[in-house]
Amino acid sequence: MSTSAKLNIVSLSHSLQANHTADSGRDPPKKVPQTGFATQHLGCWPDGNRQEHSHSAKIYEGGTRIDLDVVMAPGFGDFIDNRDSTKCLTDYIESQFERVLNDECKIQRTPKATDTRIHAAIYFIRPTGKGLRELDIACMKELGKRCNVIPVISKADLLSEEEVALNRRLILRDLAKNRINTYDFSNCFSDIDEEDDESAISSVQDLVPFAIVSGTDRAIIDQVEYKVRRLPHGIVRVDDPAHSDYIVLRTCLLGACLQDLKDTTHGVYYEKYRTEKLSKNPPGTGYMKPGSRASKPTSSGSLLDRLRTNVGSRHSSVLSSDRLTISEGIVN
């Protein structure tokens, strides 16, 4: 019997503006690339204009249907003064909390209401070799107060292994220095007691920020079709662990950490918003206690290896009009 789950993600990438950086301050472009996600484009523009675009898809992971919604933020970081860009994002996240709170305060609640709260924010960081920029610090600090922030190094195919390690070290330094709250993946595996998995558990968290490579092309390699990025000197497989951390991030988001992301959103970030909101204007209702966190998965074998090979061992498919896969939702 198939079960279903829902996951809402906001994706921030400076490289999304590459095609219209010169048009900063004008209306956003009419055409937006379609992806395999159900997407909504949230334009953070100074004049308040907002462009939305959606594309529906159902993703099946191991017999579980996942309705994945991704909110894109084109135009983020394009301006000299980007304070409104960050506020646009935080206001959107809080507006989803407000929708749930208003429904809870009704005498008769809406049956089977759709959860639109943001469960994770994937923040793509430009690898400059100098750590985080001031905009990155300011935005991630505000996002970390409202949702699970997952930092990602974009365009990792342009970097050598030494450069990836350098950028990762500098980014982690700035995250700690500025006390930016990011999602701790090790919490999902805290119940795994096998001695041979202890190092693997730390290895998953050591991959943060994940170094990601994306591509929209397809190629047949050894009679198997892969999503790839074509370069003048060769082909990069998006799901190859030697080239990208994409497969680990994908498996965590859609498998090992999916329920924990939702529980953290409801039990930590939403409860914080709810408590602060009701303390200012308390209605005549009781206080809801934070929900308990879901039990963590347990299994044998090397954890990091299982994450990297998970997709190959489980049935995975996407139903959409253009038959695109999940990797197209993570763009540089």
Protein backbone atom coordinates (compact mmCIF):
# COMPACT_ATOMS: atom_id res chain seq x y z
CA MET A 1 0.00 0.00 0.00
CA SER A 2 1.45 3.37 -1.01
CA THR A 3 1.73 6.17 1.52
CA SER A 4 2.27 9.83 0.80
CA ALA A 5 4.30 12.70 2.20
CA LYS A 6 4.75 16.38 1.45
CA LEU A 7 7.90 18.48 1.55
CA ASN A 8 8.14 22.23 0.90
CA ILE A 9 11.52 23.78 0.04
CA VAL A 10 12.66 27.32 -0.70
CA SER A 11 15.71 27.55 -2.97
CA LEU A 12 18.00 30.58 -3.09
CA SER A 13 20.70 30.77 -5.72
CA HIS A 14 22.59 33.85 -6.86
CA SER A 15 23.36 32.09 -10.13
CA LEU A 16 19.65 32.10 -10.97
CA GLN A 17 20.08 35.77 -11.86
CA ALA A 18 22.84 35.10 -14.39
CA ASN A 19 20.53 35.74 -17.34
CA HIS A 20 19.11 39.02 -16.11
CA THR A 21 21.68 40.60 -13.83
CA ALA A 22 22.03 43.50 -16.22
CA ASP A 23 18.28 44.12 -15.92
CA SER A 24 18.31 44.54 -12.15
CA GLY A 25 15.52 46.81 -10.99
CA ARG A 26 13.31 46.06 -13.97
CA ASP A 27 10.44 43.62 -14.19
CA PRO A 28 11.47 39.95 -13.86
CA PRO A 29 11.82 37.99 -17.10
CA LYS A 30 8.67 36.55 -18.63
CA LYS A 31 10.03 33.07 -19.24
CA VAL A 32 11.12 30.87 -16.37
CA PRO A 33 12.81 27.48 -16.90
CA GLN A 34 10.50 24.62 -16.01
CA THR A 35 11.70 21.95 -13.63
CA GLY A 36 10.56 18.56 -12.44
CA PHE A 37 9.33 20.11 -9.19
CA ALA A 38 6.06 21.77 -8.44
CA THR A 39 7.58 25.23 -8.36
CA GLN A 40 6.52 28.68 -7.34
CA HIS A 41 8.75 31.59 -8.24
CA LEU A 42 8.87 34.28 -5.58
CA GLY A 43 10.39 37.39 -7.13
CA CYS A 44 12.00 39.60 -4.48
CA TRP A 45 11.85 42.88 -6.34
CA PRO A 46 11.98 46.38 -4.78
CA ASP A 47 8.70 47.51 -6.37
CA GLY A 48 6.85 44.59 -4.79
CA ASN A 49 6.04 42.84 -8.08
CA ARG A 50 5.82 39.10 -7.74
CA GLN A 51 6.00 36.44 -10.43
CA GLU A 52 4.75 32.94 -9.83
CA HIS A 53 5.10 29.84 -11.93
CA SER A 54 4.20 26.28 -11.06
CA HIS A 55 4.87 22.87 -12.54
CA SER A 56 3.34 19.81 -10.92
CA ALA A 57 5.10 16.51 -10.34
CA LYS A 58 4.72 13.51 -8.06
CA ILE A 59 7.90 11.77 -6.92
CA TYR A 60 7.83 8.15 -5.78
CA GLU A 61 10.54 6.99 -3.39
CA GLY A 62 10.42 3.36 -2.28
CA GLY A 63 6.64 3.20 -2.69
CA THR A 64 6.05 6.52 -0.93
CA ARG A 65 4.57 9.37 -2.93
CA ILE A 66 6.21 12.71 -2.14
CA ASP A 67 4.52 15.93 -3.18
CA LEU A 68 7.52 18.23 -3.40
CA ASP A 69 6.99 21.99 -3.72
CA VAL A 70 9.94 24.29 -4.36
CA VAL A 71 9.72 28.07 -4.02
CA MET A 72 12.33 29.81 -6.15
CA ALA A 73 13.63 33.33 -5.47
CA PRO A 74 14.92 34.85 -8.73
CA GLY A 75 16.33 38.33 -8.32
CA PHE A 76 17.75 37.64 -4.86
CA GLY A 77 20.96 39.59 -4.29
CA ASP A 78 20.72 41.61 -7.50
CA PHE A 79 20.54 45.03 -5.91
CA ILE A 80 22.81 47.41 -4.06
CA ASP A 81 20.49 47.38 -1.04
CA ASN A 82 19.27 43.81 -0.53
CA ARG A 83 17.49 44.25 2.79
CA ASP A 84 14.12 44.01 1.08
CA SER A 85 15.16 40.77 -0.60
CA THR A 86 15.75 39.05 2.72
CA LYS A 87 12.57 40.53 4.18
CA CYS A 88 10.63 39.23 1.20
CA LEU A 89 11.75 35.69 2.03
CA THR A 90 11.15 35.90 5.77
CA ASP A 91 7.72 37.46 5.24
CA TYR A 92 6.80 34.62 2.92
CA ILE A 93 7.88 31.97 5.44
CA GLU A 94 5.96 33.67 8.25
CA SER A 95 2.88 34.06 6.07
CA GLN A 96 2.75 30.26 5.74
CA PHE A 97 2.95 29.97 9.54
CA GLU A 98 0.12 32.50 9.78
CA ARG A 99 -2.07 30.43 7.46
CA VAL A 100 -1.71 27.37 9.68
CA LEU A 101 -2.26 29.39 12.87
CA ASN A 102 -5.43 30.99 11.50
CA ASP A 103 -6.78 27.57 10.60
CA GLU A 104 -5.99 26.21 14.07
CA CYS A 105 -7.84 29.09 15.72
CA LYS A 106 -11.04 28.44 13.78
CA ILE A 107 -13.97 26.82 15.54
CA GLN A 108 -14.32 24.44 12.61
CA ARG A 109 -10.97 23.64 11.04
CA THR A 110 -10.47 22.94 7.36
CA PRO A 111 -10.36 19.15 6.83
CA LYS A 112 -7.22 17.89 5.13
CA ALA A 113 -5.71 21.36 4.90
CA THR A 114 -2.56 21.54 2.77
CA ASP A 115 0.63 22.22 4.72
CA THR A 116 2.42 25.08 2.97
CA ARG A 117 5.02 25.73 5.66
CA ILE A 118 8.62 25.77 4.46
CA HIS A 119 10.44 22.69 5.74
CA ALA A 120 13.89 23.50 4.36
CA ALA A 121 15.76 26.38 2.74
CA ILE A 122 18.51 25.30 0.34
CA TYR A 123 20.94 28.20 0.17
CA PHE A 124 23.35 28.01 -2.77
CA ILE A 125 26.65 29.71 -1.93
CA ARG A 126 28.91 31.11 -4.60
CA PRO A 127 32.39 29.57 -4.09
CA THR A 128 34.61 32.64 -3.92
CA GLY A 129 37.40 31.13 -1.83
CA LYS A 130 36.77 33.83 0.78
CA GLY A 131 33.90 32.35 2.78
CA LEU A 132 30.47 33.92 3.12
CA ARG A 133 29.57 37.35 1.86
CA GLU A 134 27.74 39.87 4.04
CA LEU A 135 24.49 39.18 2.17
CA ASP A 136 24.88 35.44 2.77
CA ILE A 137 25.45 35.99 6.47
CA ALA A 138 22.53 38.38 6.90
CA CYS A 139 20.08 36.23 4.93
CA MET A 140 21.06 32.87 6.40
CA LYS A 141 20.95 34.29 9.92
CA GLU A 142 17.33 35.42 9.41
CA LEU A 143 16.32 32.23 7.64
CA GLY A 144 17.88 30.13 10.42
CA LYS A 145 15.41 31.66 12.88
CA ARG A 146 12.44 30.50 10.82
CA CYS A 147 13.29 27.24 9.02
CA ASN A 148 15.87 24.52 8.45
CA VAL A 149 18.74 26.05 6.47
CA ILE A 150 20.84 23.74 4.28
CA PRO A 151 23.95 25.46 2.83
CA VAL A 152 25.16 24.23 -0.55
CA ILE A 153 28.24 25.09 -2.62
CA SER A 154 27.06 25.67 -6.17
CA LYS A 155 28.88 24.81 -9.40
CA ALA A 156 31.26 22.40 -7.70
CA ASP A 157 32.35 21.09 -11.11
CA LEU A 158 34.37 24.30 -11.50
CA LEU A 159 36.43 23.50 -8.40
CA SER A 160 39.22 21.06 -7.66
CA GLU A 161 39.04 18.85 -4.57
CA GLU A 162 41.40 21.21 -2.76
CA GLU A 163 39.24 24.20 -3.66
CA VAL A 164 36.09 22.46 -2.48
CA ALA A 165 37.77 21.67 0.86
CA LEU A 166 38.97 25.28 1.19
CA ASN A 167 35.55 26.77 0.48
CA ARG A 168 33.87 24.30 2.84
CA ARG A 169 36.30 25.16 5.64
CA LEU A 170 35.87 28.93 5.20
CA ILE A 171 32.09 28.68 5.01
CA LEU A 172 31.92 26.58 8.19
CA ARG A 173 34.19 29.12 9.89
CA ASP A 174 31.84 31.99 9.02
CA LEU A 175 28.77 29.99 10.01
CA ALA A 176 30.21 29.34 13.45
CA LYS A 177 31.60 32.86 13.86
CA ASN A 178 28.24 34.46 13.12
CA ARG A 179 26.25 31.82 15.02
CA ILE A 180 24.11 30.94 12.03
CA ASN A 181 21.71 28.10 12.73
CA THR A 182 21.81 25.38 10.05
CA TYR A 183 20.18 21.98 9.91
CA ASP A 184 22.09 19.22 11.71
CA PHE A 185 21.84 16.05 9.65
CA SER A 186 23.41 13.94 12.38
CA ASN A 187 20.19 14.25 14.41
CA CYS A 188 18.50 11.90 11.95
CA PHE A 189 20.94 9.11 12.74
CA SER A 190 21.43 9.57 16.48
CA ASP A 191 19.75 6.23 17.25
CA ILE A 192 22.18 4.21 15.13
CA ASP A 193 24.43 2.42 17.60
CA GLU A 194 26.57 0.28 15.32
CA GLU A 195 30.24 1.00 15.88
CA ASP A 196 31.03 0.84 12.19
CA ASP A 197 28.43 3.57 11.51
CA GLU A 198 29.77 6.11 13.99
CA SER A 199 32.34 7.47 11.57
CA ALA A 200 29.82 7.44 8.74
CA ILE A 201 27.35 9.50 10.77
CA SER A 202 29.95 12.20 11.28
CA SER A 203 30.93 11.92 7.63
CA VAL A 204 27.41 12.91 6.53
CA GLN A 205 27.56 16.09 8.61
CA ASP A 206 31.13 16.69 7.44
CA LEU A 207 29.83 17.03 3.88
CA VAL A 208 27.97 20.22 4.89
CA PRO A 209 27.95 22.48 2.97
CA PHE A 210 27.23 20.00 0.19
CA ALA A 211 29.17 20.55 -3.03
CA ILE A 212 26.62 20.20 -5.82
CA VAL A 213 26.85 19.70 -9.58
CA SER A 214 23.69 19.91 -11.69
CA GLY A 215 22.82 19.34 -15.31
CA THR A 216 19.85 19.16 -17.65
CA ASP A 217 21.32 16.84 -20.29
CA ARG A 218 20.98 13.07 -20.46
CA ALA A 219 23.51 10.51 -21.61
CA ILE A 220 23.57 6.72 -21.97
CA ILE A 221 26.56 5.31 -20.07
CA ASP A 222 27.00 1.55 -19.88
CA GLN A 223 23.44 1.09 -21.18
CA VAL A 224 22.05 3.22 -18.32
CA GLU A 225 20.59 6.71 -18.73
CA TYR A 226 22.04 9.38 -16.41
CA LYS A 227 21.47 13.07 -15.86
CA VAL A 228 24.75 14.76 -16.81
CA ARG A 229 26.49 18.04 -17.47
CA ARG A 230 28.37 18.12 -20.75
CA LEU A 231 31.73 19.89 -20.71
CA PRO A 232 34.27 20.42 -23.52
CA HIS A 233 36.64 17.93 -21.90
CA GLY A 234 34.10 15.30 -20.84
CA ILE A 235 30.83 14.44 -19.13
CA VAL A 236 29.99 14.92 -15.43
CA ARG A 237 27.44 12.58 -13.91
CA VAL A 238 25.23 14.52 -11.51
CA ASP A 239 24.64 11.52 -9.24
CA ASP A 240 28.25 10.32 -9.16
CA PRO A 241 29.58 10.65 -5.56
CA ALA A 242 33.05 11.28 -6.98
CA HIS A 243 31.74 14.40 -8.74
CA SER A 244 28.99 15.72 -6.49
CA ASP A 245 27.30 15.37 -3.09
CA TYR A 246 23.92 15.57 -4.79
CA ILE A 247 22.99 11.93 -4.20
CA VAL A 248 23.60 12.22 -0.44
CA LEU A 249 21.58 15.45 -0.21
CA ARG A 250 18.77 13.95 -2.27
CA THR A 251 18.59 10.80 -0.15
CA CYS A 252 18.57 12.79 3.07
CA LEU A 253 15.86 15.19 1.91
CA LEU A 254 13.56 12.54 0.43
CA GLY A 255 14.32 9.71 2.81
CA ALA A 256 16.36 9.71 5.99
CA CYS A 257 15.63 13.29 7.07
CA LEU A 258 12.25 13.99 5.48
CA GLN A 259 10.16 13.39 8.58
CA ASP A 260 12.70 15.07 10.87
CA LEU A 261 12.62 18.21 8.71
CA LYS A 262 8.84 18.32 9.01
CA ASP A 263 8.89 17.61 12.74
CA THR A 264 11.48 20.32 13.35
CA THR A 265 9.44 22.80 11.33
CA HIS A 266 6.32 22.04 13.34
CA GLY A 267 7.81 21.43 16.78
CA VAL A 268 10.48 24.16 16.80
CA TYR A 269 10.03 26.94 14.25
CA TYR A 270 6.25 26.96 14.00
CA GLU A 271 5.79 26.60 17.77
CA LYS A 272 8.15 29.52 18.31
CA TYR A 273 6.16 31.66 15.90
CA ARG A 274 2.87 30.46 17.40
CA THR A 275 3.94 31.18 20.95
CA GLU A 276 5.18 34.68 20.14
CA LYS A 277 2.05 35.46 18.12
CA LEU A 278 -0.43 34.23 20.70
CA SER A 279 1.42 35.85 23.59
CA LYS A 280 0.75 39.23 21.98
CA ASN A 281 -2.90 38.51 21.17
CA PRO A 282 -3.98 35.31 22.96
CA PRO A 283 -7.25 33.80 21.68
CA GLY A 284 -9.61 31.74 23.78
CA THR A 285 -7.93 28.46 22.90
CA GLY A 286 -5.47 26.20 24.68
CA TYR A 287 -1.79 25.93 23.95
CA MET A 288 -0.65 23.14 21.70
CA LYS A 289 2.40 21.29 22.93
CA PRO A 290 5.19 20.77 20.43
CA GLY A 291 4.93 17.49 18.56
CA SER A 292 7.36 14.74 19.37
CA ARG A 293 10.13 14.02 16.91
CA ALA A 294 9.85 10.92 14.75
CA SER A 295 11.90 7.86 15.46
CA LYS A 296 15.15 7.63 13.57
CA PRO A 297 15.93 4.96 11.00
CA THR A 298 18.18 2.10 11.97
CA SER A 299 19.94 -0.33 9.70
CA SER A 300 23.27 -2.02 9.17
CA GLY A 301 26.18 -1.25 6.87
CA SER A 302 28.11 1.92 6.19
CA LEU A 303 25.67 4.81 6.44
CA LEU A 304 27.40 7.10 3.96
CA ASP A 305 27.67 4.29 1.40
CA ARG A 306 23.98 3.49 1.83
CA LEU A 307 23.02 7.11 1.24
CA ARG A 308 25.13 7.30 -1.90
CA THR A 309 23.76 4.05 -3.36
CA ASN A 310 20.20 4.52 -2.16
CA VAL A 311 18.71 5.65 -5.43
CA GLY A 312 20.17 2.75 -7.35
CA SER A 313 18.68 0.21 -4.95
CA ARG A 314 15.19 1.63 -4.69
CA HIS A 315 12.48 2.27 -7.22
CA SER A 316 12.30 5.96 -7.99
CA SER A 317 10.26 7.75 -10.61
CA VAL A 318 8.77 11.13 -11.43
CA LEU A 319 5.40 11.63 -13.07
CA SER A 320 5.29 14.91 -14.95
CA SER A 321 4.39 16.23 -18.35
CA ASP A 322 8.00 16.55 -19.48
CA ARG A 323 9.29 13.42 -17.65
CA LEU A 324 12.03 15.29 -15.85
CA THR A 325 13.78 14.05 -12.74
CA ILE A 326 14.27 15.58 -9.35
CA SER A 327 17.82 16.73 -10.08
CA GLU A 328 16.47 19.53 -12.26
CA GLY A 329 15.06 21.26 -9.18
CA ILE A 330 18.58 21.93 -7.93
CA VAL A 331 20.04 24.42 -10.36
CA ASN A 332 23.11 26.57 -10.38
